């Protein structure tokens, strides 16, 4: 919806009657919205939880490589032991 700013008023052309809202009232509304802190804590906790999740995902990725290497080494040793037992 397009709005036209005129001196000290906001006029919306879509209305059948020209409705004007004083800019001082809009300024007060904007300031009250900007100073409202409700929900800010929830947003901060959400961001913190996201960072923790990224850290956990990175740690699990690095740990999975190490666990995979450990199982490969155990598998190689198991094959080596069974080959020496079969050759006797």
C-alpha atoms as a PDB file:
ATOM      1  CA  UNK A   1       0.000   0.000   0.000  1.00  0.00           C
ATOM      2  CA  UNK A   2       1.550   3.227  -1.070  1.00  0.00           C
ATOM      3  CA  UNK A   3       1.522   6.083   1.382  1.00  0.00           C
ATOM      4  CA  UNK A   4       2.253   9.717   0.752  1.00  0.00           C
ATOM      5  CA  UNK A   5       3.997  11.862   3.339  1.00  0.00           C
ATOM      6  CA  UNK A   6       2.719  15.373   3.665  1.00  0.00           C
ATOM      7  CA  UNK A   7       3.802  17.980   6.119  1.00  0.00           C
ATOM      8  CA  UNK A   8       3.081  16.675   9.675  1.00  0.00           C
ATOM      9  CA  UNK A   9       0.712  13.946   8.466  1.00  0.00           C
ATOM     10  CA  UNK A  10       0.630  10.541   6.801  1.00  0.00           C
ATOM     11  CA  UNK A  11      -2.074  10.204   4.164  1.00  0.00           C
ATOM     12  CA  UNK A  12      -3.083   6.794   2.846  1.00  0.00           C
ATOM     13  CA  UNK A  13      -4.533   7.029  -0.706  1.00  0.00           C
ATOM     14  CA  UNK A  14      -6.380   3.694  -0.487  1.00  0.00           C
ATOM     15  CA  UNK A  15      -8.983   5.033   1.940  1.00  0.00           C
ATOM     16  CA  UNK A  16     -12.147   6.521   0.479  1.00  0.00           C
ATOM     17  CA  UNK A  17     -11.881   9.341   2.998  1.00  0.00           C
ATOM     18  CA  UNK A  18      -8.505  10.920   3.443  1.00  0.00           C
ATOM     19  CA  UNK A  19      -7.332   9.765   6.867  1.00  0.00           C
ATOM     20  CA  UNK A  20      -4.492  11.685   8.443  1.00  0.00           C
ATOM     21  CA  UNK A  21      -2.341  10.553  11.333  1.00  0.00           C
ATOM     22  CA  UNK A  22      -0.069  13.112  12.956  1.00  0.00           C
ATOM     23  CA  UNK A  23       3.609  12.234  12.603  1.00  0.00           C
ATOM     24  CA  UNK A  24       4.134  12.945  16.306  1.00  0.00           C
ATOM     25  CA  UNK A  25       1.747  10.090  17.093  1.00  0.00           C
ATOM     26  CA  UNK A  26       3.629   7.796  14.713  1.00  0.00           C
ATOM     27  CA  UNK A  27       6.892   8.858  16.331  1.00  0.00           C
ATOM     28  CA  UNK A  28       5.526   7.976  19.786  1.00  0.00           C
ATOM     29  CA  UNK A  29       4.352   4.612  18.466  1.00  0.00           C
ATOM     30  CA  UNK A  30       7.762   3.923  16.932  1.00  0.00           C
ATOM     31  CA  UNK A  31       9.548   4.844  20.138  1.00  0.00           C
ATOM     32  CA  UNK A  32       7.271   2.633  22.216  1.00  0.00           C
ATOM     33  CA  UNK A  33       7.875  -0.302  19.868  1.00  0.00           C
ATOM     34  CA  UNK A  34      11.634   0.290  19.916  1.00  0.00           C
ATOM     35  CA  UNK A  35      11.748   0.456  23.712  1.00  0.00           C
ATOM     36  CA  UNK A  36       9.619  -2.683  24.168  1.00  0.00           C
ATOM     37  CA  UNK A  37      11.829  -5.510  25.474  1.00  0.00           C
ATOM     38  CA  UNK A  38       9.218  -8.243  25.789  1.00  0.00           C
ATOM     39  CA  UNK A  39      10.478 -11.335  24.027  1.00  0.00           C
ATOM     40  CA  UNK A  40      14.069 -10.098  23.854  1.00  0.00           C
ATOM     41  CA  UNK A  41      15.174 -12.714  26.370  1.00  0.00           C
ATOM     42  CA  UNK A  42      13.555 -15.473  24.330  1.00  0.00           C
ATOM     43  CA  UNK A  43      15.374 -14.290  21.226  1.00  0.00           C
ATOM     44  CA  UNK A  44      18.683 -14.212  23.106  1.00  0.00           C
ATOM     45  CA  UNK A  45      18.134 -17.733  24.432  1.00  0.00           C
ATOM     46  CA  UNK A  46      17.235 -18.892  20.919  1.00  0.00           C
ATOM     47  CA  UNK A  47      20.449 -17.449  19.508  1.00  0.00           C
ATOM     48  CA  UNK A  48      22.459 -19.019  22.327  1.00  0.00           C
ATOM     49  CA  UNK A  49      20.815 -22.410  21.740  1.00  0.00           C
ATOM     50  CA  UNK A  50      21.624 -22.133  18.034  1.00  0.00           C
ATOM     51  CA  UNK A  51      25.283 -21.430  18.761  1.00  0.00           C
ATOM     52  CA  UNK A  52      25.445 -24.367  21.176  1.00  0.00           C
ATOM     53  CA  UNK A  53      23.861 -26.639  18.551  1.00  0.00           C
ATOM     54  CA  UNK A  54      26.432 -25.544  15.959  1.00  0.00           C
ATOM     55  CA  UNK A  55      29.232 -26.245  18.449  1.00  0.00           C
ATOM     56  CA  UNK A  56      27.843 -29.690  19.243  1.00  0.00           C
ATOM     57  CA  UNK A  57      27.473 -30.530  15.553  1.00  0.00           C
ATOM     58  CA  UNK A  58      31.078 -29.523  14.885  1.00  0.00           C
ATOM     59  CA  UNK A  59      32.332 -31.523  17.861  1.00  0.00           C
ATOM     60  CA  UNK A  60      30.358 -34.610  16.882  1.00  0.00           C
ATOM     61  CA  UNK A  61      31.708 -34.349  13.327  1.00  0.00           C
ATOM     62  CA  UNK A  62      35.305 -34.278  14.565  1.00  0.00           C
ATOM     63  CA  UNK A  63      34.632 -37.040  17.077  1.00  0.00           C
ATOM     64  CA  UNK A  64      33.020 -39.276  14.443  1.00  0.00           C
ATOM     65  CA  UNK A  65      36.209 -39.179  12.362  1.00  0.00           C
ATOM     66  CA  UNK A  66      38.234 -40.318  15.373  1.00  0.00           C
ATOM     67  CA  UNK A  67      35.789 -43.096  16.255  1.00  0.00           C
ATOM     68  CA  UNK A  68      35.767 -44.265  12.635  1.00  0.00           C
ATOM     69  CA  UNK A  69      39.580 -44.404  12.626  1.00  0.00           C
ATOM     70  CA  UNK A  70      39.557 -46.331  15.925  1.00  0.00           C
ATOM     71  CA  UNK A  71      37.158 -48.964  14.539  1.00  0.00           C
ATOM     72  CA  UNK A  72      39.248 -49.307  11.383  1.00  0.00           C
ATOM     73  CA  UNK A  73      42.356 -49.943  13.500  1.00  0.00           C
ATOM     74  CA  UNK A  74      40.495 -52.504  15.638  1.00  0.00           C
ATOM     75  CA  UNK A  75      39.199 -54.191  12.478  1.00  0.00           C
ATOM     76  CA  UNK A  76      42.704 -54.356  10.971  1.00  0.00           C
ATOM     77  CA  UNK A  77      44.128 -55.865  14.162  1.00  0.00           C
ATOM     78  CA  UNK A  78      41.269 -58.385  14.319  1.00  0.00           C
ATOM     79  CA  UNK A  79      41.948 -59.473  10.731  1.00  0.00           C
ATOM     80  CA  UNK A  80      45.676 -59.759  11.476  1.00  0.00           C
ATOM     81  CA  UNK A  81      45.069 -61.918  14.575  1.00  0.00           C
ATOM     82  CA  UNK A  82      42.594 -64.213  12.800  1.00  0.00           C
ATOM     83  CA  UNK A  83      45.015 -64.630   9.869  1.00  0.00           C
ATOM     84  CA  UNK A  84      47.835 -65.679  12.197  1.00  0.00           C
ATOM     85  CA  UNK A  85      45.504 -68.088  14.028  1.00  0.00           C
ATOM     86  CA  UNK A  86      44.395 -69.674  10.731  1.00  0.00           C
ATOM     87  CA  UNK A  87      47.954 -70.068   9.435  1.00  0.00           C
ATOM     88  CA  UNK A  88      49.009 -72.182  12.454  1.00  0.00           C
END
